[in-house]
Amino acid sequence: MTVKLTDETFEQGVSEGPVLVDFWAEWCGPCQMLSPVLEELAEELRDQVTIAKLNIEENRETAAQFGIMSIPTMILFKDGKPVEKVMGFQPKAALKQYLESKLD
């Protein structure tokens, strides 16, 4: 299951281990397509990575802090530090391969 983050919980939510944060909004079509992919990956990789979601409409401070200009944008954090940004819809196989390559 994905974790829901807010401006208030963001820092704590990304503070430990690898966390992939999906910056999204309800009106974003590609975000809606990505959501079930992330839910599946959250289950499959639950022992390796946390997958979290942050609604940019409700949490503008955090979105601005990380310079989110287009969505979906995902940022991989390791122990609270941003490592890499992935933009746009990604098919499940590609996203899983990406995550596994970063978790080794």
N, C-alpha and C. Protein backbone atom coordinates (compact mmCIF):
# COMPACT_ATOMS: atom_id res chain seq x y z
N MET A 1 0.84 -1.19 0.00
CA MET A 1 0.00 0.00 0.00
C MET A 1 0.88 1.25 0.00
N THR A 2 0.50 2.24 -0.76
CA THR A 2 1.27 3.48 -0.79
C THR A 2 0.96 4.30 0.46
N VAL A 3 1.91 5.15 0.82
CA VAL A 3 1.79 6.01 1.99
C VAL A 3 1.39 7.41 1.52
N LYS A 4 0.42 8.02 2.19
CA LYS A 4 0.00 9.38 1.82
C LYS A 4 0.81 10.38 2.64
N LEU A 5 1.47 11.31 1.93
CA LEU A 5 2.26 12.35 2.60
C LEU A 5 1.57 13.70 2.46
N THR A 6 1.87 14.60 3.40
CA THR A 6 1.39 15.97 3.37
C THR A 6 2.58 16.89 3.64
N ASP A 7 2.36 18.20 3.52
CA ASP A 7 3.43 19.14 3.87
C ASP A 7 3.93 18.87 5.29
N GLU A 8 3.00 18.54 6.20
CA GLU A 8 3.35 18.34 7.61
C GLU A 8 4.11 17.04 7.85
N THR A 9 3.81 15.98 7.09
CA THR A 9 4.41 14.67 7.35
C THR A 9 5.55 14.33 6.39
N PHE A 10 5.83 15.21 5.44
CA PHE A 10 6.77 14.87 4.37
C PHE A 10 8.16 14.53 4.89
N GLU A 11 8.73 15.42 5.70
CA GLU A 11 10.11 15.23 6.15
C GLU A 11 10.27 13.90 6.89
N GLN A 12 9.35 13.62 7.78
CA GLN A 12 9.41 12.36 8.52
C GLN A 12 9.18 11.17 7.58
N GLY A 13 8.30 11.35 6.62
CA GLY A 13 7.95 10.27 5.70
C GLY A 13 9.08 9.81 4.80
N VAL A 14 10.02 10.70 4.50
CA VAL A 14 11.14 10.32 3.62
C VAL A 14 12.44 10.14 4.40
N SER A 15 12.39 10.19 5.72
CA SER A 15 13.61 10.23 6.53
C SER A 15 14.37 8.90 6.62
N GLU A 16 13.69 7.78 6.41
CA GLU A 16 14.36 6.49 6.59
C GLU A 16 14.29 5.63 5.35
N GLY A 17 15.47 5.13 4.94
CA GLY A 17 15.55 4.20 3.83
C GLY A 17 15.16 4.82 2.50
N PRO A 18 15.01 3.97 1.47
CA PRO A 18 14.59 4.48 0.17
C PRO A 18 13.07 4.72 0.13
N VAL A 19 12.70 5.90 -0.35
CA VAL A 19 11.28 6.26 -0.48
C VAL A 19 11.08 6.89 -1.85
N LEU A 20 10.18 6.34 -2.64
CA LEU A 20 9.82 6.93 -3.93
C LEU A 20 8.55 7.74 -3.71
N VAL A 21 8.64 9.04 -3.95
CA VAL A 21 7.48 9.91 -3.75
C VAL A 21 6.91 10.30 -5.10
N ASP A 22 5.61 10.04 -5.26
CA ASP A 22 4.87 10.41 -6.47
C ASP A 22 4.16 11.73 -6.20
N PHE A 23 4.54 12.76 -6.94
CA PHE A 23 3.87 14.06 -6.86
C PHE A 23 2.76 14.03 -7.92
N TRP A 24 1.51 14.21 -7.49
CA TRP A 24 0.37 14.00 -8.38
C TRP A 24 -0.77 14.97 -8.06
N ALA A 25 -1.80 14.93 -8.91
CA ALA A 25 -3.04 15.68 -8.67
C ALA A 25 -4.20 14.89 -9.27
N GLU A 26 -5.39 15.10 -8.73
CA GLU A 26 -6.56 14.34 -9.19
C GLU A 26 -6.92 14.60 -10.64
N TRP A 27 -6.67 15.82 -11.14
CA TRP A 27 -7.05 16.17 -12.51
C TRP A 27 -6.06 15.66 -13.55
N CYS A 28 -4.97 15.05 -13.12
CA CYS A 28 -3.89 14.62 -14.01
C CYS A 28 -4.14 13.20 -14.52
N GLY A 29 -4.43 13.06 -15.82
CA GLY A 29 -4.70 11.75 -16.42
C GLY A 29 -3.56 10.76 -16.26
N PRO A 30 -2.32 11.12 -16.64
CA PRO A 30 -1.20 10.19 -16.47
C PRO A 30 -0.98 9.80 -15.00
N CYS A 31 -1.29 10.71 -14.09
CA CYS A 31 -1.17 10.39 -12.65
C CYS A 31 -2.14 9.27 -12.28
N GLN A 32 -3.36 9.34 -12.84
CA GLN A 32 -4.37 8.32 -12.56
C GLN A 32 -3.94 6.97 -13.14
N MET A 33 -3.27 7.00 -14.29
CA MET A 33 -2.77 5.76 -14.89
C MET A 33 -1.63 5.17 -14.06
N LEU A 34 -0.83 6.03 -13.46
CA LEU A 34 0.34 5.60 -12.69
C LEU A 34 -0.05 5.03 -11.32
N SER A 35 -1.15 5.50 -10.78
CA SER A 35 -1.54 5.11 -9.43
C SER A 35 -1.62 3.60 -9.20
N PRO A 36 -2.33 2.82 -10.05
CA PRO A 36 -2.38 1.37 -9.81
C PRO A 36 -1.01 0.70 -9.97
N VAL A 37 -0.18 1.24 -10.85
CA VAL A 37 1.18 0.71 -11.03
C VAL A 37 1.96 0.86 -9.72
N LEU A 38 1.85 2.04 -9.10
CA LEU A 38 2.56 2.28 -7.85
C LEU A 38 2.00 1.43 -6.72
N GLU A 39 0.69 1.22 -6.70
CA GLU A 39 0.10 0.35 -5.67
C GLU A 39 0.66 -1.07 -5.78
N GLU A 40 0.76 -1.58 -7.01
CA GLU A 40 1.30 -2.93 -7.23
C GLU A 40 2.76 -3.00 -6.80
N LEU A 41 3.54 -2.00 -7.19
CA LEU A 41 4.96 -1.99 -6.83
C LEU A 41 5.16 -1.84 -5.32
N ALA A 42 4.28 -1.08 -4.67
CA ALA A 42 4.36 -0.92 -3.21
C ALA A 42 4.20 -2.28 -2.53
N GLU A 43 3.32 -3.12 -3.08
CA GLU A 43 3.14 -4.47 -2.55
C GLU A 43 4.35 -5.34 -2.85
N GLU A 44 4.76 -5.36 -4.12
CA GLU A 44 5.84 -6.26 -4.56
C GLU A 44 7.18 -5.91 -3.93
N LEU A 45 7.43 -4.64 -3.71
CA LEU A 45 8.75 -4.21 -3.21
C LEU A 45 8.68 -3.70 -1.78
N ARG A 46 7.64 -4.08 -1.04
CA ARG A 46 7.40 -3.50 0.29
C ARG A 46 8.57 -3.68 1.26
N ASP A 47 9.37 -4.73 1.09
CA ASP A 47 10.49 -4.95 2.00
C ASP A 47 11.73 -4.15 1.58
N GLN A 48 11.68 -3.51 0.40
CA GLN A 48 12.86 -2.83 -0.12
C GLN A 48 12.70 -1.31 -0.21
N VAL A 49 11.48 -0.85 -0.51
CA VAL A 49 11.28 0.58 -0.74
C VAL A 49 9.87 0.97 -0.29
N THR A 50 9.75 2.18 0.22
CA THR A 50 8.44 2.74 0.55
C THR A 50 7.99 3.57 -0.64
N ILE A 51 6.75 3.41 -1.06
CA ILE A 51 6.22 4.24 -2.14
C ILE A 51 5.16 5.15 -1.53
N ALA A 52 5.37 6.44 -1.73
CA ALA A 52 4.50 7.45 -1.11
C ALA A 52 3.93 8.36 -2.18
N LYS A 53 2.81 9.03 -1.85
CA LYS A 53 2.16 9.95 -2.78
C LYS A 53 1.92 11.27 -2.08
N LEU A 54 2.14 12.36 -2.83
CA LEU A 54 1.88 13.69 -2.31
C LEU A 54 1.04 14.45 -3.33
N ASN A 55 -0.17 14.84 -2.92
CA ASN A 55 -1.07 15.59 -3.79
C ASN A 55 -0.58 17.04 -3.82
N ILE A 56 -0.16 17.50 -5.00
CA ILE A 56 0.44 18.84 -5.10
C ILE A 56 -0.59 19.96 -4.91
N GLU A 57 -1.87 19.65 -5.15
CA GLU A 57 -2.91 20.66 -4.96
C GLU A 57 -3.12 20.95 -3.47
N GLU A 58 -2.98 19.93 -2.65
CA GLU A 58 -3.22 20.07 -1.21
C GLU A 58 -1.94 20.40 -0.44
N ASN A 59 -0.79 20.22 -1.08
CA ASN A 59 0.50 20.36 -0.39
C ASN A 59 1.48 21.17 -1.26
N ARG A 60 1.12 22.42 -1.47
CA ARG A 60 1.88 23.27 -2.39
C ARG A 60 3.30 23.59 -1.90
N GLU A 61 3.48 23.66 -0.59
CA GLU A 61 4.81 24.00 -0.05
C GLU A 61 5.87 22.99 -0.47
N THR A 62 5.56 21.72 -0.27
CA THR A 62 6.52 20.66 -0.59
C THR A 62 6.75 20.59 -2.09
N ALA A 63 5.68 20.71 -2.88
CA ALA A 63 5.82 20.69 -4.34
C ALA A 63 6.73 21.82 -4.80
N ALA A 64 6.56 23.00 -4.22
CA ALA A 64 7.40 24.15 -4.58
C ALA A 64 8.85 23.93 -4.14
N GLN A 65 9.01 23.36 -2.97
CA GLN A 65 10.36 23.12 -2.43
C GLN A 65 11.19 22.25 -3.37
N PHE A 66 10.55 21.29 -4.04
CA PHE A 66 11.28 20.39 -4.92
C PHE A 66 11.13 20.77 -6.40
N GLY A 67 10.59 21.94 -6.66
CA GLY A 67 10.52 22.46 -8.02
C GLY A 67 9.69 21.61 -8.96
N ILE A 68 8.57 21.11 -8.47
CA ILE A 68 7.71 20.26 -9.31
C ILE A 68 6.96 21.16 -10.29
N MET A 69 7.30 21.02 -11.57
CA MET A 69 6.70 21.85 -12.62
C MET A 69 5.67 21.09 -13.45
N SER A 70 5.87 19.78 -13.58
CA SER A 70 4.91 18.96 -14.33
C SER A 70 4.71 17.66 -13.56
N ILE A 71 3.54 17.08 -13.75
CA ILE A 71 3.24 15.84 -13.06
C ILE A 71 2.74 14.80 -14.06
N PRO A 72 2.88 13.52 -13.78
CA PRO A 72 3.50 13.00 -12.58
C PRO A 72 5.01 13.17 -12.58
N THR A 73 5.54 13.50 -11.43
CA THR A 73 6.98 13.49 -11.18
C THR A 73 7.20 12.65 -9.94
N MET A 74 8.19 11.78 -10.01
CA MET A 74 8.55 10.97 -8.86
C MET A 74 9.98 11.32 -8.46
N ILE A 75 10.22 11.39 -7.17
CA ILE A 75 11.57 11.62 -6.68
C ILE A 75 11.92 10.48 -5.73
N LEU A 76 13.09 9.88 -5.97
CA LEU A 76 13.58 8.84 -5.08
C LEU A 76 14.43 9.50 -4.00
N PHE A 77 14.06 9.24 -2.76
CA PHE A 77 14.81 9.75 -1.61
C PHE A 77 15.51 8.58 -0.92
N LYS A 78 16.70 8.85 -0.41
CA LYS A 78 17.38 7.86 0.44
C LYS A 78 17.76 8.57 1.72
N ASP A 79 17.20 8.07 2.82
CA ASP A 79 17.45 8.65 4.15
C ASP A 79 17.24 10.16 4.17
N GLY A 80 16.14 10.61 3.56
CA GLY A 80 15.75 12.01 3.61
C GLY A 80 16.34 12.90 2.54
N LYS A 81 17.26 12.38 1.73
CA LYS A 81 17.90 13.19 0.70
C LYS A 81 17.40 12.79 -0.69
N PRO A 82 17.03 13.77 -1.53
CA PRO A 82 16.60 13.43 -2.89
C PRO A 82 17.77 12.90 -3.71
N VAL A 83 17.55 11.78 -4.39
CA VAL A 83 18.60 11.13 -5.17
C VAL A 83 18.40 11.39 -6.66
N GLU A 84 17.16 11.17 -7.12
CA GLU A 84 16.91 11.27 -8.56
C GLU A 84 15.44 11.54 -8.83
N LYS A 85 15.19 12.27 -9.91
CA LYS A 85 13.84 12.63 -10.31
C LYS A 85 13.47 11.85 -11.57
N VAL A 86 12.26 11.28 -11.59
CA VAL A 86 11.74 10.57 -12.75
C VAL A 86 10.45 11.28 -13.14
N MET A 87 10.37 11.70 -14.41
CA MET A 87 9.20 12.48 -14.83
C MET A 87 8.34 11.70 -15.82
N GLY A 88 7.03 11.92 -15.73
CA GLY A 88 6.10 11.32 -16.68
C GLY A 88 5.68 9.91 -16.29
N PHE A 89 4.67 9.41 -17.00
CA PHE A 89 4.17 8.06 -16.75
C PHE A 89 5.25 7.05 -17.12
N GLN A 90 5.41 6.03 -16.29
CA GLN A 90 6.35 4.94 -16.56
C GLN A 90 5.59 3.62 -16.49
N PRO A 91 5.79 2.73 -17.46
CA PRO A 91 5.16 1.42 -17.35
C PRO A 91 5.72 0.66 -16.14
N LYS A 92 4.95 -0.27 -15.62
CA LYS A 92 5.33 -0.98 -14.41
C LYS A 92 6.70 -1.66 -14.53
N ALA A 93 6.93 -2.36 -15.62
CA ALA A 93 8.20 -3.10 -15.78
C ALA A 93 9.39 -2.14 -15.73
N ALA A 94 9.27 -1.00 -16.40
CA ALA A 94 10.37 -0.03 -16.43
C ALA A 94 10.60 0.57 -15.05
N LEU A 95 9.53 0.89 -14.36
CA LEU A 95 9.64 1.49 -13.03
C LEU A 95 10.21 0.49 -12.03
N LYS A 96 9.78 -0.75 -12.13
CA LYS A 96 10.29 -1.80 -11.23
C LYS A 96 11.79 -2.00 -11.47
N GLN A 97 12.18 -2.07 -12.73
CA GLN A 97 13.59 -2.25 -13.07
C GLN A 97 14.42 -1.07 -12.56
N TYR A 98 13.90 0.14 -12.73
CA TYR A 98 14.58 1.34 -12.24
C TYR A 98 14.79 1.26 -10.73
N LEU A 99 13.71 0.95 -10.00
CA LEU A 99 13.80 0.89 -8.55
C LEU A 99 14.77 -0.18 -8.10
N GLU A 100 14.69 -1.37 -8.69
CA GLU A 100 15.59 -2.44 -8.30
C GLU A 100 17.05 -2.07 -8.56
N SER A 101 17.31 -1.33 -9.63
CA SER A 101 18.69 -0.93 -9.94
C SER A 101 19.21 0.09 -8.91
N LYS A 102 18.31 0.87 -8.32
CA LYS A 102 18.71 1.89 -7.34
C LYS A 102 18.79 1.33 -5.93
N LEU A 103 18.21 0.17 -5.69
CA LEU A 103 18.15 -0.39 -4.34
C LEU A 103 19.34 -1.27 -4.01
N ASP A 104 20.12 -1.63 -4.99
CA ASP A 104 21.27 -2.52 -4.73
C ASP A 104 22.38 -1.81 -4.00
